[in-house]
Amino acid sequence: ELVAGISSGGSTRYASSVRGRFTISRDNAKNTVYLQMNSL
């Protein structure tokens, strides 16, 4: 299942089960996408 996504424009989406706890972000210079997972 998809839990989090980020578009090329930077908009984000989250599954309801993780919304408010997970944060997706992107660093284009490092070619890396992150998922910060809190309150696991």
PDB file of all heavy atoms in Angstrom:
ATOM      1  N   GLU A   1       0.814  -1.200   0.000  1.00  0.00           N
ATOM      2  CA  GLU A   1       0.000   0.000   0.000  1.00  0.00           C
ATOM      3  C   GLU A   1       0.854   1.258   0.000  1.00  0.00           C
ATOM      4  O   GLU A   1       1.950   1.283   0.553  1.00  0.00           O
ATOM      5  CB  GLU A   1      -0.933   0.021   1.222  1.00  0.00           C
ATOM      6  CG  GLU A   1      -0.193   0.053   2.556  1.00  0.00           C
ATOM      7  CD  GLU A   1      -1.115   0.215   3.754  1.00  0.00           C
ATOM      8  OE1 GLU A   1      -2.282   0.604   3.568  1.00  0.00           O
ATOM      9  OE2 GLU A   1      -0.662  -0.048   4.891  1.00  0.00           O
ATOM     10  N   LEU A   2       0.329   2.297  -0.613  1.00  0.00           N
ATOM     11  CA  LEU A   2       0.981   3.605  -0.609  1.00  0.00           C
ATOM     12  C   LEU A   2       0.679   4.297   0.711  1.00  0.00           C
ATOM     13  O   LEU A   2      -0.483   4.462   1.074  1.00  0.00           O
ATOM     14  CB  LEU A   2       0.489   4.452  -1.780  1.00  0.00           C
ATOM     15  CG  LEU A   2       1.052   5.864  -1.894  1.00  0.00           C
ATOM     16  CD1 LEU A   2       2.533   5.830  -2.252  1.00  0.00           C
ATOM     17  CD2 LEU A   2       0.271   6.672  -2.925  1.00  0.00           C
ATOM     18  N   VAL A   3       1.711   4.714   1.416  1.00  0.00           N
ATOM     19  CA  VAL A   3       1.509   5.393   2.693  1.00  0.00           C
ATOM     20  C   VAL A   3       1.802   6.884   2.613  1.00  0.00           C
ATOM     21  O   VAL A   3       1.241   7.661   3.396  1.00  0.00           O
ATOM     22  CB  VAL A   3       2.342   4.757   3.824  1.00  0.00           C
ATOM     23  CG1 VAL A   3       1.905   3.316   4.052  1.00  0.00           C
ATOM     24  CG2 VAL A   3       3.838   4.810   3.524  1.00  0.00           C
ATOM     25  N   ALA A   4       2.660   7.303   1.695  1.00  0.00           N
ATOM     26  CA  ALA A   4       2.985   8.718   1.545  1.00  0.00           C
ATOM     27  C   ALA A   4       3.542   8.969   0.160  1.00  0.00           C
ATOM     28  O   ALA A   4       4.236   8.118  -0.396  1.00  0.00           O
ATOM     29  CB  ALA A   4       3.991   9.178   2.608  1.00  0.00           C
ATOM     30  N   GLY A   5       3.251  10.133  -0.400  1.00  0.00           N
ATOM     31  CA  GLY A   5       3.769  10.489  -1.706  1.00  0.00           C
ATOM     32  C   GLY A   5       4.060  11.967  -1.796  1.00  0.00           C
ATOM     33  O   GLY A   5       3.469  12.773  -1.071  1.00  0.00           O
ATOM     34  N   ILE A   6       4.977  12.316  -2.685  1.00  0.00           N
ATOM     35  CA  ILE A   6       5.312  13.716  -2.930  1.00  0.00           C
ATOM     36  C   ILE A   6       5.442  13.918  -4.433  1.00  0.00           C
ATOM     37  O   ILE A   6       6.111  13.151  -5.120  1.00  0.00           O
ATOM     38  CB  ILE A   6       6.592  14.135  -2.171  1.00  0.00           C
ATOM     39  CG1 ILE A   6       6.862  15.632  -2.352  1.00  0.00           C
ATOM     40  CG2 ILE A   6       7.793  13.295  -2.587  1.00  0.00           C
ATOM     41  CD1 ILE A   6       7.921  16.162  -1.389  1.00  0.00           C
ATOM     42  N   SER A   7       4.782  14.934  -4.961  1.00  0.00           N
ATOM     43  CA  SER A   7       4.796  15.208  -6.388  1.00  0.00           C
ATOM     44  C   SER A   7       6.041  15.978  -6.779  1.00  0.00           C
ATOM     45  O   SER A   7       6.797  16.461  -5.931  1.00  0.00           O
ATOM     46  CB  SER A   7       3.544  15.990  -6.786  1.00  0.00           C
ATOM     47  OG  SER A   7       3.634  17.331  -6.341  1.00  0.00           O
ATOM     48  N   SER A   8       6.249  16.108  -8.096  1.00  0.00           N
ATOM     49  CA  SER A   8       7.378  16.894  -8.580  1.00  0.00           C
ATOM     50  C   SER A   8       7.272  18.351  -8.149  1.00  0.00           C
ATOM     51  O   SER A   8       8.291  19.038  -8.038  1.00  0.00           O
ATOM     52  CB  SER A   8       7.473  16.804 -10.102  1.00  0.00           C
ATOM     53  OG  SER A   8       6.299  17.287 -10.727  1.00  0.00           O
ATOM     54  N   GLY A   9       6.050  18.818  -7.903  1.00  0.00           N
ATOM     55  CA  GLY A   9       5.836  20.176  -7.446  1.00  0.00           C
ATOM     56  C   GLY A   9       5.895  20.346  -5.946  1.00  0.00           C
ATOM     57  O   GLY A   9       5.805  21.471  -5.450  1.00  0.00           O
ATOM     58  N   GLY A  10       6.028  19.242  -5.216  1.00  0.00           N
ATOM     59  CA  GLY A  10       6.179  19.315  -3.777  1.00  0.00           C
ATOM     60  C   GLY A  10       4.925  19.059  -2.963  1.00  0.00           C
ATOM     61  O   GLY A  10       4.987  19.077  -1.729  1.00  0.00           O
ATOM     62  N   SER A  11       3.790  18.838  -3.619  1.00  0.00           N
ATOM     63  CA  SER A  11       2.584  18.530  -2.866  1.00  0.00           C
ATOM     64  C   SER A  11       2.668  17.118  -2.301  1.00  0.00           C
ATOM     65  O   SER A  11       3.275  16.231  -2.902  1.00  0.00           O
ATOM     66  CB  SER A  11       1.342  18.688  -3.739  1.00  0.00           C
ATOM     67  OG  SER A  11       1.377  17.777  -4.828  1.00  0.00           O
ATOM     68  N   THR A  12       2.067  16.907  -1.150  1.00  0.00           N
ATOM     69  CA  THR A  12       2.169  15.624  -0.463  1.00  0.00           C
ATOM     70  C   THR A  12       0.809  14.988  -0.260  1.00  0.00           C
ATOM     71  O   THR A  12      -0.226  15.659  -0.261  1.00  0.00           O
ATOM     72  CB  THR A  12       2.869  15.778   0.894  1.00  0.00           C
ATOM     73  OG1 THR A  12       2.138  16.714   1.701  1.00  0.00           O
ATOM     74  CG2 THR A  12       4.293  16.286   0.718  1.00  0.00           C
ATOM     75  N   ARG A  13       0.818  13.681  -0.074  1.00  0.00           N
ATOM     76  CA  ARG A  13      -0.382  12.917   0.203  1.00  0.00           C
ATOM     77  C   ARG A  13      -0.029  11.822   1.198  1.00  0.00           C
ATOM     78  O   ARG A  13       1.094  11.305   1.196  1.00  0.00           O
ATOM     79  CB  ARG A  13      -0.961  12.313  -1.079  1.00  0.00           C
ATOM     80  CG  ARG A  13       0.025  11.423  -1.819  1.00  0.00           C
ATOM     81  CD  ARG A  13      -0.435  11.077  -3.217  1.00  0.00           C
ATOM     82  NE  ARG A  13      -1.435  10.027  -3.240  1.00  0.00           N
ATOM     83  CZ  ARG A  13      -1.889   9.443  -4.352  1.00  0.00           C
ATOM     84  NH1 ARG A  13      -1.415   9.832  -5.541  1.00  0.00           N
ATOM     85  NH2 ARG A  13      -2.804   8.497  -4.291  1.00  0.00           N
ATOM     86  N   TYR A  14      -0.982  11.452   2.036  1.00  0.00           N
ATOM     87  CA  TYR A  14      -0.741  10.456   3.066  1.00  0.00           C
ATOM     88  C   TYR A  14      -1.947   9.550   3.217  1.00  0.00           C
ATOM     89  O   TYR A  14      -3.099   9.979   3.076  1.00  0.00           O
ATOM     90  CB  TYR A  14      -0.461  11.110   4.421  1.00  0.00           C
ATOM     91  CG  TYR A  14       0.757  11.998   4.443  1.00  0.00           C
ATOM     92  CD1 TYR A  14       0.652  13.366   4.209  1.00  0.00           C
ATOM     93  CD2 TYR A  14       2.020  11.467   4.698  1.00  0.00           C
ATOM     94  CE1 TYR A  14       1.768  14.180   4.217  1.00  0.00           C
ATOM     95  CE2 TYR A  14       3.142  12.274   4.708  1.00  0.00           C
ATOM     96  CZ  TYR A  14       3.014  13.624   4.470  1.00  0.00           C
ATOM     97  OH  TYR A  14       4.131  14.427   4.483  1.00  0.00           O
ATOM     98  N   ALA A  15      -1.673   8.302   3.524  1.00  0.00           N
ATOM     99  CA  ALA A  15      -2.740   7.407   3.924  1.00  0.00           C
ATOM    100  C   ALA A  15      -3.289   7.873   5.268  1.00  0.00           C
ATOM    101  O   ALA A  15      -2.554   8.408   6.104  1.00  0.00           O
ATOM    102  CB  ALA A  15      -2.223   5.974   4.030  1.00  0.00           C
ATOM    103  N   SER A  16      -4.578   7.673   5.476  1.00  0.00           N
ATOM    104  CA  SER A  16      -5.195   8.131   6.710  1.00  0.00           C
ATOM    105  C   SER A  16      -4.558   7.500   7.946  1.00  0.00           C
ATOM    106  O   SER A  16      -4.515   8.114   9.019  1.00  0.00           O
ATOM    107  CB  SER A  16      -6.694   7.842   6.689  1.00  0.00           C
ATOM    108  OG  SER A  16      -6.950   6.454   6.567  1.00  0.00           O
ATOM    109  N   SER A  17      -4.034   6.298   7.801  1.00  0.00           N
ATOM    110  CA  SER A  17      -3.447   5.591   8.931  1.00  0.00           C
ATOM    111  C   SER A  17      -2.149   6.211   9.431  1.00  0.00           C
ATOM    112  O   SER A  17      -1.739   5.946  10.567  1.00  0.00           O
ATOM    113  CB  SER A  17      -3.206   4.125   8.563  1.00  0.00           C
ATOM    114  OG  SER A  17      -2.349   4.020   7.441  1.00  0.00           O
ATOM    115  N   VAL A  18      -1.495   7.027   8.601  1.00  0.00           N
ATOM    116  CA  VAL A  18      -0.212   7.612   8.988  1.00  0.00           C
ATOM    117  C   VAL A  18      -0.238   9.130   9.029  1.00  0.00           C
ATOM    118  O   VAL A  18       0.733   9.745   9.492  1.00  0.00           O
ATOM    119  CB  VAL A  18       0.931   7.148   8.061  1.00  0.00           C
ATOM    120  CG1 VAL A  18       0.971   5.631   7.964  1.00  0.00           C
ATOM    121  CG2 VAL A  18       0.800   7.770   6.675  1.00  0.00           C
ATOM    122  N   ARG A  19      -1.311   9.733   8.570  1.00  0.00           N
ATOM    123  CA  ARG A  19      -1.399  11.185   8.527  1.00  0.00           C
ATOM    124  C   ARG A  19      -1.237  11.776   9.927  1.00  0.00           C
ATOM    125  O   ARG A  19      -1.861  11.325  10.882  1.00  0.00           O
ATOM    126  CB  ARG A  19      -2.722  11.627   7.911  1.00  0.00           C
ATOM    127  CG  ARG A  19      -2.817  13.132   7.662  1.00  0.00           C
ATOM    128  CD  ARG A  19      -4.104  13.503   6.912  1.00  0.00           C
ATOM    129  NE  ARG A  19      -4.125  12.963   5.558  1.00  0.00           N
ATOM    130  CZ  ARG A  19      -4.952  12.016   5.149  1.00  0.00           C
ATOM    131  NH1 ARG A  19      -5.843  11.493   5.985  1.00  0.00           N
ATOM    132  NH2 ARG A  19      -4.896  11.581   3.906  1.00  0.00           N
ATOM    133  N   GLY A  20      -0.377  12.788  10.029  1.00  0.00           N
ATOM    134  CA  GLY A  20      -0.088  13.403  11.308  1.00  0.00           C
ATOM    135  C   GLY A  20       1.082  12.788  12.029  1.00  0.00           C
ATOM    136  O   GLY A  20       1.595  13.382  12.989  1.00  0.00           O
ATOM    137  N   ARG A  21       1.517  11.607  11.602  1.00  0.00           N
ATOM    138  CA  ARG A  21       2.649  10.924  12.225  1.00  0.00           C
ATOM    139  C   ARG A  21       3.858  10.832  11.293  1.00  0.00           C
ATOM    140  O   ARG A  21       4.993  10.881  11.762  1.00  0.00           O
ATOM    141  CB  ARG A  21       2.252   9.520  12.669  1.00  0.00           C
ATOM    142  CG  ARG A  21       1.129   9.492  13.692  1.00  0.00           C
ATOM    143  CD  ARG A  21       0.914   8.085  14.238  1.00  0.00           C
ATOM    144  NE  ARG A  21       0.468   7.158  13.195  1.00  0.00           N
ATOM    145  CZ  ARG A  21       1.140   6.072  12.828  1.00  0.00           C
ATOM    146  NH1 ARG A  21       2.290   5.762  13.408  1.00  0.00           N
ATOM    147  NH2 ARG A  21       0.655   5.270  11.882  1.00  0.00           N
ATOM    148  N   PHE A  22       3.611  10.668   9.999  1.00  0.00           N
ATOM    149  CA  PHE A  22       4.680  10.531   9.010  1.00  0.00           C
ATOM    150  C   PHE A  22       4.789  11.802   8.183  1.00  0.00           C
ATOM    151  O   PHE A  22       3.782  12.466   7.906  1.00  0.00           O
ATOM    152  CB  PHE A  22       4.405   9.360   8.061  1.00  0.00           C
ATOM    153  CG  PHE A  22       4.479   7.993   8.688  1.00  0.00           C
ATOM    154  CD1 PHE A  22       4.611   7.812  10.057  1.00  0.00           C
ATOM    155  CD2 PHE A  22       4.412   6.869   7.879  1.00  0.00           C
ATOM    156  CE1 PHE A  22       4.673   6.547  10.622  1.00  0.00           C
ATOM    157  CE2 PHE A  22       4.472   5.596   8.424  1.00  0.00           C
ATOM    158  CZ  PHE A  22       4.601   5.434   9.788  1.00  0.00           C
ATOM    159  N   THR A  23       6.006  12.117   7.757  1.00  0.00           N
ATOM    160  CA  THR A  23       6.251  13.258   6.888  1.00  0.00           C
ATOM    161  C   THR A  23       7.201  12.853   5.768  1.00  0.00           C
ATOM    162  O   THR A  23       8.291  12.352   6.033  1.00  0.00           O
ATOM    163  CB  THR A  23       6.856  14.441   7.651  1.00  0.00           C
ATOM    164  OG1 THR A  23       5.992  14.821   8.733  1.00  0.00           O
ATOM    165  CG2 THR A  23       7.036  15.638   6.719  1.00  0.00           C
ATOM    166  N   ILE A  24       6.784  13.068   4.527  1.00  0.00           N
ATOM    167  CA  ILE A  24       7.635  12.786   3.383  1.00  0.00           C
ATOM    168  C   ILE A  24       8.273  14.089   2.909  1.00  0.00           C
ATOM    169  O   ILE A  24       7.639  15.143   2.905  1.00  0.00           O
ATOM    170  CB  ILE A  24       6.843  12.106   2.243  1.00  0.00           C
ATOM    171  CG1 ILE A  24       7.784  11.641   1.124  1.00  0.00           C
ATOM    172  CG2 ILE A  24       5.749  13.011   1.705  1.00  0.00           C
ATOM    173  CD1 ILE A  24       7.099  10.754   0.083  1.00  0.00           C
ATOM    174  N   SER A  25       9.537  14.019   2.514  1.00  0.00           N
ATOM    175  CA  SER A  25      10.244  15.188   2.019  1.00  0.00           C
ATOM    176  C   SER A  25      11.238  14.762   0.945  1.00  0.00           C
ATOM    177  O   SER A  25      11.516  13.576   0.774  1.00  0.00           O
ATOM    178  CB  SER A  25      10.953  15.937   3.155  1.00  0.00           C
ATOM    179  OG  SER A  25      11.918  15.111   3.779  1.00  0.00           O
ATOM    180  N   ARG A  26      11.771  15.738   0.237  1.00  0.00           N
ATOM    181  CA  ARG A  26      12.639  15.458  -0.908  1.00  0.00           C
ATOM    182  C   ARG A  26      13.802  16.429  -0.940  1.00  0.00           C
ATOM    183  O   ARG A  26      13.640  17.625  -0.672  1.00  0.00           O
ATOM    184  CB  ARG A  26      11.810  15.559  -2.193  1.00  0.00           C
ATOM    185  CG  ARG A  26      12.551  15.256  -3.478  1.00  0.00           C
ATOM    186  CD  ARG A  26      11.627  15.479  -4.667  1.00  0.00           C
ATOM    187  NE  ARG A  26      11.241  16.882  -4.770  1.00  0.00           N
ATOM    188  CZ  ARG A  26      10.056  17.304  -5.181  1.00  0.00           C
ATOM    189  NH1 ARG A  26       9.119  16.427  -5.518  1.00  0.00           N
ATOM    190  NH2 ARG A  26       9.797  18.595  -5.250  1.00  0.00           N
ATOM    191  N   ASP A  27      14.982  15.924  -1.280  1.00  0.00           N
ATOM    192  CA  ASP A  27      16.167  16.746  -1.489  1.00  0.00           C
ATOM    193  C   ASP A  27      16.671  16.436  -2.890  1.00  0.00           C
ATOM    194  O   ASP A  27      17.372  15.450  -3.101  1.00  0.00           O
ATOM    195  CB  ASP A  27      17.235  16.460  -0.440  1.00  0.00           C
ATOM    196  CG  ASP A  27      18.399  17.432  -0.506  1.00  0.00           C
ATOM    197  OD1 ASP A  27      18.676  17.982  -1.588  1.00  0.00           O
ATOM    198  OD2 ASP A  27      19.051  17.641   0.532  1.00  0.00           O
ATOM    199  N   ASN A  28      16.307  17.266  -3.855  1.00  0.00           N
ATOM    200  CA  ASN A  28      16.659  17.003  -5.249  1.00  0.00           C
ATOM    201  C   ASN A  28      18.169  17.007  -5.479  1.00  0.00           C
ATOM    202  O   ASN A  28      18.677  16.236  -6.294  1.00  0.00           O
ATOM    203  CB  ASN A  28      15.997  18.029  -6.163  1.00  0.00           C
ATOM    204  CG  ASN A  28      14.498  17.891  -6.216  1.00  0.00           C
ATOM    205  OD1 ASN A  28      13.940  16.845  -5.873  1.00  0.00           O
ATOM    206  ND2 ASN A  28      13.813  18.941  -6.650  1.00  0.00           N
ATOM    207  N   ALA A  29      18.887  17.876  -4.780  1.00  0.00           N
ATOM    208  CA  ALA A  29      20.336  17.952  -4.941  1.00  0.00           C
ATOM    209  C   ALA A  29      21.023  16.659  -4.535  1.00  0.00           C
ATOM    210  O   ALA A  29      22.064  16.299  -5.086  1.00  0.00           O
ATOM    211  CB  ALA A  29      20.897  19.124  -4.147  1.00  0.00           C
ATOM    212  N   LYS A  30      20.453  15.966  -3.560  1.00  0.00           N
ATOM    213  CA  LYS A  30      21.014  14.705  -3.085  1.00  0.00           C
ATOM    214  C   LYS A  30      20.343  13.489  -3.710  1.00  0.00           C
ATOM    215  O   LYS A  30      20.699  12.358  -3.386  1.00  0.00           O
ATOM    216  CB  LYS A  30      20.908  14.617  -1.563  1.00  0.00           C
ATOM    217  CG  LYS A  30      21.725  15.663  -0.824  1.00  0.00           C
ATOM    218  CD  LYS A  30      21.604  15.492   0.678  1.00  0.00           C
ATOM    219  CE  LYS A  30      22.453  16.503   1.418  1.00  0.00           C
ATOM    220  NZ  LYS A  30      22.336  16.352   2.891  1.00  0.00           N
ATOM    221  N   ASN A  31      19.375  13.717  -4.587  1.00  0.00           N
ATOM    222  CA  ASN A  31      18.629  12.627  -5.225  1.00  0.00           C
ATOM    223  C   ASN A  31      18.055  11.672  -4.183  1.00  0.00           C
ATOM    224  O   ASN A  31      18.114  10.445  -4.344  1.00  0.00           O
ATOM    225  CB  ASN A  31      19.521  11.865  -6.204  1.00  0.00           C
ATOM    226  CG  ASN A  31      20.039  12.731  -7.325  1.00  0.00           C
ATOM    227  OD1 ASN A  31      19.309  13.567  -7.864  1.00  0.00           O
ATOM    228  ND2 ASN A  31      21.293  12.544  -7.699  1.00  0.00           N
ATOM    229  N   THR A  32      17.486  12.236  -3.135  1.00  0.00           N
ATOM    230  CA  THR A  32      17.024  11.436  -2.011  1.00  0.00           C
ATOM    231  C   THR A  32      15.649  11.908  -1.541  1.00  0.00           C
ATOM    232  O   THR A  32      15.391  13.110  -1.469  1.00  0.00           O
ATOM    233  CB  THR A  32      18.011  11.497  -0.838  1.00  0.00           C
ATOM    234  OG1 THR A  32      19.302  11.036  -1.277  1.00  0.00           O
ATOM    235  CG2 THR A  32      17.554  10.620   0.313  1.00  0.00           C
ATOM    236  N   VAL A  33      14.791  10.951  -1.236  1.00  0.00           N
ATOM    237  CA  VAL A  33      13.498  11.204  -0.625  1.00  0.00           C
ATOM    238  C   VAL A  33      13.496  10.567   0.758  1.00  0.00           C
ATOM    239  O   VAL A  33      14.011   9.456   0.938  1.00  0.00           O
ATOM    240  CB  VAL A  33      12.350  10.653  -1.484  1.00  0.00           C
ATOM    241  CG1 VAL A  33      11.021  10.731  -0.738  1.00  0.00           C
ATOM    242  CG2 VAL A  33      12.260  11.421  -2.792  1.00  0.00           C
ATOM    243  N   TYR A  34      12.916  11.258   1.726  1.00  0.00           N
ATOM    244  CA  TYR A  34      12.912  10.796   3.107  1.00  0.00           C
ATOM    245  C   TYR A  34      11.495  10.533   3.589  1.00  0.00           C
ATOM    246  O   TYR A  34      10.525  11.109   3.090  1.00  0.00           O
ATOM    247  CB  TYR A  34      13.551  11.840   4.025  1.00  0.00           C
ATOM    248  CG  TYR A  34      14.949  12.237   3.631  1.00  0.00           C
ATOM    249  CD1 TYR A  34      15.181  13.376   2.866  1.00  0.00           C
ATOM    250  CD2 TYR A  34      16.043  11.471   4.026  1.00  0.00           C
ATOM    251  CE1 TYR A  34      16.461  13.746   2.502  1.00  0.00           C
ATOM    252  CE2 TYR A  34      17.330  11.834   3.664  1.00  0.00           C
ATOM    253  CZ  TYR A  34      17.535  12.971   2.906  1.00  0.00           C
ATOM    254  OH  TYR A  34      18.813  13.325   2.550  1.00  0.00           O
ATOM    255  N   LEU A  35      11.394   9.675   4.575  1.00  0.00           N
ATOM    256  CA  LEU A  35      10.141   9.468   5.286  1.00  0.00           C
ATOM    257  C   LEU A  35      10.442   9.521   6.773  1.00  0.00           C
ATOM    258  O   LEU A  35      11.052   8.595   7.321  1.00  0.00           O
ATOM    259  CB  LEU A  35       9.493   8.138   4.918  1.00  0.00           C
ATOM    260  CG  LEU A  35       8.118   7.889   5.548  1.00  0.00           C
ATOM    261  CD1 LEU A  35       7.092   8.869   4.992  1.00  0.00           C
ATOM    262  CD2 LEU A  35       7.661   6.448   5.320  1.00  0.00           C
ATOM    263  N   GLN A  36      10.033  10.606   7.414  1.00  0.00           N
ATOM    264  CA  GLN A  36      10.165  10.728   8.855  1.00  0.00           C
ATOM    265  C   GLN A  36       8.960  10.074   9.506  1.00  0.00           C
ATOM    266  O   GLN A  36       7.822  10.445   9.228  1.00  0.00           O
ATOM    267  CB  GLN A  36      10.249  12.199   9.269  1.00  0.00           C
ATOM    268  CG  GLN A  36      10.381  12.423  10.768  1.00  0.00           C
ATOM    269  CD  GLN A  36      11.679  11.901  11.327  1.00  0.00           C
ATOM    270  OE1 GLN A  36      12.744  12.148  10.763  1.00  0.00           O
ATOM    271  NE2 GLN A  36      11.598  11.172  12.435  1.00  0.00           N
ATOM    272  N   MET A  37       9.204   9.099  10.355  1.00  0.00           N
ATOM    273  CA  MET A  37       8.156   8.310  10.972  1.00  0.00           C
ATOM    274  C   MET A  37       8.193   8.528  12.484  1.00  0.00           C
ATOM    275  O   MET A  37       9.146   8.129  13.145  1.00  0.00           O
ATOM    276  CB  MET A  37       8.340   6.824  10.655  1.00  0.00           C
ATOM    277  CG  MET A  37       8.542   6.540   9.167  1.00  0.00           C
ATOM    278  SD  MET A  37       9.184   4.879   8.837  1.00  0.00           S
ATOM    279  CE  MET A  37       7.803   3.884   9.361  1.00  0.00           C
ATOM    280  N   ASN A  38       7.163   9.168  13.013  1.00  0.00           N
ATOM    281  CA  ASN A  38       7.055   9.441  14.439  1.00  0.00           C
ATOM    282  C   ASN A  38       5.874   8.696  15.038  1.00  0.00           C
ATOM    283  O   ASN A  38       4.980   8.249  14.327  1.00  0.00           O
ATOM    284  CB  ASN A  38       6.898  10.940  14.688  1.00  0.00           C
ATOM    285  CG  ASN A  38       8.073  11.757  14.200  1.00  0.00           C
ATOM    286  OD1 ASN A  38       9.219  11.316  14.252  1.00  0.00           O
ATOM    287  ND2 ASN A  38       7.799  12.968  13.736  1.00  0.00           N
ATOM    288  N   SER A  39       5.868   8.600  16.358  1.00  0.00           N
ATOM    289  CA  SER A  39       4.774   7.947  17.081  1.00  0.00           C
ATOM    290  C   SER A  39       4.452   6.586  16.484  1.00  0.00           C
ATOM    291  O   SER A  39       3.294   6.248  16.246  1.00  0.00           O
ATOM    292  CB  SER A  39       3.536   8.844  17.076  1.00  0.00           C
ATOM    293  OG  SER A  39       3.812  10.097  17.668  1.00  0.00           O
ATOM    294  N   LEU A  40       5.472   5.796  16.261  1.00  0.00           N
ATOM    295  CA  LEU A  40       5.300   4.519  15.586  1.00  0.00           C
ATOM    296  C   LEU A  40       4.463   3.546  16.407  1.00  0.00           C
ATOM    297  O   LEU A  40       4.540   3.518  17.638  1.00  0.00           O
ATOM    298  CB  LEU A  40       6.661   3.908  15.266  1.00  0.00           C
ATOM    299  CG  LEU A  40       7.363   4.555  14.069  1.00  0.00           C
ATOM    300  CD1 LEU A  40       8.841   4.210  14.067  1.00  0.00           C
ATOM    301  CD2 LEU A  40       6.711   4.102  12.763  1.00  0.00           C
TER     302      LEU A  40
END
